Amino acid sequence: MVSADDSSKKSSSPFSAPVVVPKDLSKDQTDSCEAVLCLAGGKGIGECLKPLRKYYSLKTKYRANFLKICPKN
């Protein structure tokens, strides 16, 4: 993960600091939010392996519903 104070590493992320998913979410909500952030380019490649593996393991017709599990607030 690239932190805001690590000037030696460059990130293609549009976010200036690491993206952190809240701890009070269920496992499914956490997985969904991480996948949303990865698909938006907000997390590093290593951090995205698990959430994107889960996302792409779903049949195409279920992927949008999986992403909707992430709370908007």
C-alpha atoms as a PDB file:
ATOM      1  CA  MET A   1       0.000   0.000   0.000  1.00  0.00           C
ATOM      2  CA  VAL A   2       1.294   3.468  -0.809  1.00  0.00           C
ATOM      3  CA  SER A   3       0.908   5.940   2.019  1.00  0.00           C
ATOM      4  CA  ALA A   4       0.458   9.676   1.632  1.00  0.00           C
ATOM      5  CA  ASP A   5       3.892  10.360   3.123  1.00  0.00           C
ATOM      6  CA  ASP A   6       5.839   7.887   0.948  1.00  0.00           C
ATOM      7  CA  SER A   7       7.241  10.159  -1.745  1.00  0.00           C
ATOM      8  CA  SER A   8       9.637   7.534  -3.093  1.00  0.00           C
ATOM      9  CA  LYS A   9       6.814   5.457  -4.602  1.00  0.00           C
ATOM     10  CA  LYS A  10       4.428   6.616  -7.279  1.00  0.00           C
ATOM     11  CA  SER A  11       0.826   5.457  -7.439  1.00  0.00           C
ATOM     12  CA  SER A  12      -1.625   5.647 -10.295  1.00  0.00           C
ATOM     13  CA  SER A  13      -4.409   5.959  -7.730  1.00  0.00           C
ATOM     14  CA  PRO A  14      -6.476   9.148  -7.812  1.00  0.00           C
ATOM     15  CA  PHE A  15      -6.533   9.070  -3.996  1.00  0.00           C
ATOM     16  CA  SER A  16      -3.843  10.898  -2.054  1.00  0.00           C
ATOM     17  CA  ALA A  17      -3.877   8.537   0.932  1.00  0.00           C
ATOM     18  CA  PRO A  18      -4.481   4.800   1.374  1.00  0.00           C
ATOM     19  CA  VAL A  19      -8.109   3.772   1.078  1.00  0.00           C
ATOM     20  CA  VAL A  20      -9.395   2.028   4.189  1.00  0.00           C
ATOM     21  CA  VAL A  21     -12.655   0.104   4.356  1.00  0.00           C
ATOM     22  CA  PRO A  22     -14.494   0.608   7.689  1.00  0.00           C
ATOM     23  CA  LYS A  23     -14.088  -2.263  10.179  1.00  0.00           C
ATOM     24  CA  ASP A  24     -17.793  -2.424  11.173  1.00  0.00           C
ATOM     25  CA  LEU A  25     -18.889  -3.919   7.844  1.00  0.00           C
ATOM     26  CA  SER A  26     -19.850  -7.554   7.346  1.00  0.00           C
ATOM     27  CA  LYS A  27     -17.467  -9.825   5.436  1.00  0.00           C
ATOM     28  CA  ASP A  28     -19.601  -9.579   2.291  1.00  0.00           C
ATOM     29  CA  GLN A  29     -19.800  -5.782   2.572  1.00  0.00           C
ATOM     30  CA  THR A  30     -16.041  -5.554   3.034  1.00  0.00           C
ATOM     31  CA  ASP A  31     -15.383  -7.788   0.031  1.00  0.00           C
ATOM     32  CA  SER A  32     -17.824  -5.774  -2.045  1.00  0.00           C
ATOM     33  CA  CYS A  33     -16.325  -2.404  -1.059  1.00  0.00           C
ATOM     34  CA  GLU A  34     -12.793  -3.625  -1.718  1.00  0.00           C
ATOM     35  CA  ALA A  35     -13.848  -4.840  -5.163  1.00  0.00           C
ATOM     36  CA  VAL A  36     -15.479  -1.465  -5.917  1.00  0.00           C
ATOM     37  CA  LEU A  37     -12.298   0.352  -4.895  1.00  0.00           C
ATOM     38  CA  CYS A  38     -10.115  -1.989  -6.939  1.00  0.00           C
ATOM     39  CA  LEU A  39     -12.270  -1.666 -10.033  1.00  0.00           C
ATOM     40  CA  ALA A  40     -12.109   2.121  -9.632  1.00  0.00           C
ATOM     41  CA  GLY A  41      -8.306   1.968  -9.393  1.00  0.00           C
ATOM     42  CA  GLY A  42      -8.151   3.078  -5.762  1.00  0.00           C
ATOM     43  CA  LYS A  43      -6.081   0.217  -4.358  1.00  0.00           C
ATOM     44  CA  GLY A  44      -2.754  -1.388  -5.182  1.00  0.00           C
ATOM     45  CA  ILE A  45      -2.451  -4.535  -7.267  1.00  0.00           C
ATOM     46  CA  GLY A  46      -1.503  -6.756  -4.342  1.00  0.00           C
ATOM     47  CA  GLU A  47      -4.455  -5.569  -2.298  1.00  0.00           C
ATOM     48  CA  CYS A  48      -6.841  -6.299  -5.170  1.00  0.00           C
ATOM     49  CA  LEU A  49      -6.035  -9.950  -5.796  1.00  0.00           C
ATOM     50  CA  LYS A  50      -8.484 -11.378  -3.254  1.00  0.00           C
ATOM     51  CA  PRO A  51     -11.458  -9.031  -3.835  1.00  0.00           C
ATOM     52  CA  LEU A  52     -11.159  -9.181  -7.630  1.00  0.00           C
ATOM     53  CA  ARG A  53     -10.764 -12.969  -7.568  1.00  0.00           C
ATOM     54  CA  LYS A  54     -14.067 -13.152  -5.682  1.00  0.00           C
ATOM     55  CA  TYR A  55     -15.729 -10.650  -8.055  1.00  0.00           C
ATOM     56  CA  TYR A  56     -14.610 -12.469 -11.198  1.00  0.00           C
ATOM     57  CA  SER A  57     -15.533 -15.875  -9.737  1.00  0.00           C
ATOM     58  CA  LEU A  58     -19.187 -14.801  -9.862  1.00  0.00           C
ATOM     59  CA  LYS A  59     -21.300 -15.322 -12.940  1.00  0.00           C
ATOM     60  CA  THR A  60     -21.566 -12.086 -14.915  1.00  0.00           C
ATOM     61  CA  LYS A  61     -25.240 -11.599 -14.053  1.00  0.00           C
ATOM     62  CA  TYR A  62     -24.446 -11.566 -10.300  1.00  0.00           C
ATOM     63  CA  ARG A  63     -21.480  -9.175 -10.356  1.00  0.00           C
ATOM     64  CA  ALA A  64     -23.514  -5.946 -10.238  1.00  0.00           C
ATOM     65  CA  ASN A  65     -25.489  -7.238  -7.246  1.00  0.00           C
ATOM     66  CA  PHE A  66     -22.247  -8.120  -5.474  1.00  0.00           C
ATOM     67  CA  LEU A  67     -20.978  -4.546  -5.905  1.00  0.00           C
ATOM     68  CA  LYS A  68     -24.276  -3.154  -4.561  1.00  0.00           C
ATOM     69  CA  ILE A  69     -23.627  -4.871  -1.203  1.00  0.00           C
ATOM     70  CA  CYS A  70     -21.146  -2.082  -0.385  1.00  0.00           C
ATOM     71  CA  PRO A  71     -23.001   0.615   1.585  1.00  0.00           C
ATOM     72  CA  LYS A  72     -23.129   4.043  -0.013  1.00  0.00           C
ATOM     73  CA  ASN A  73     -22.791   5.930   3.296  1.00  0.00           C
END
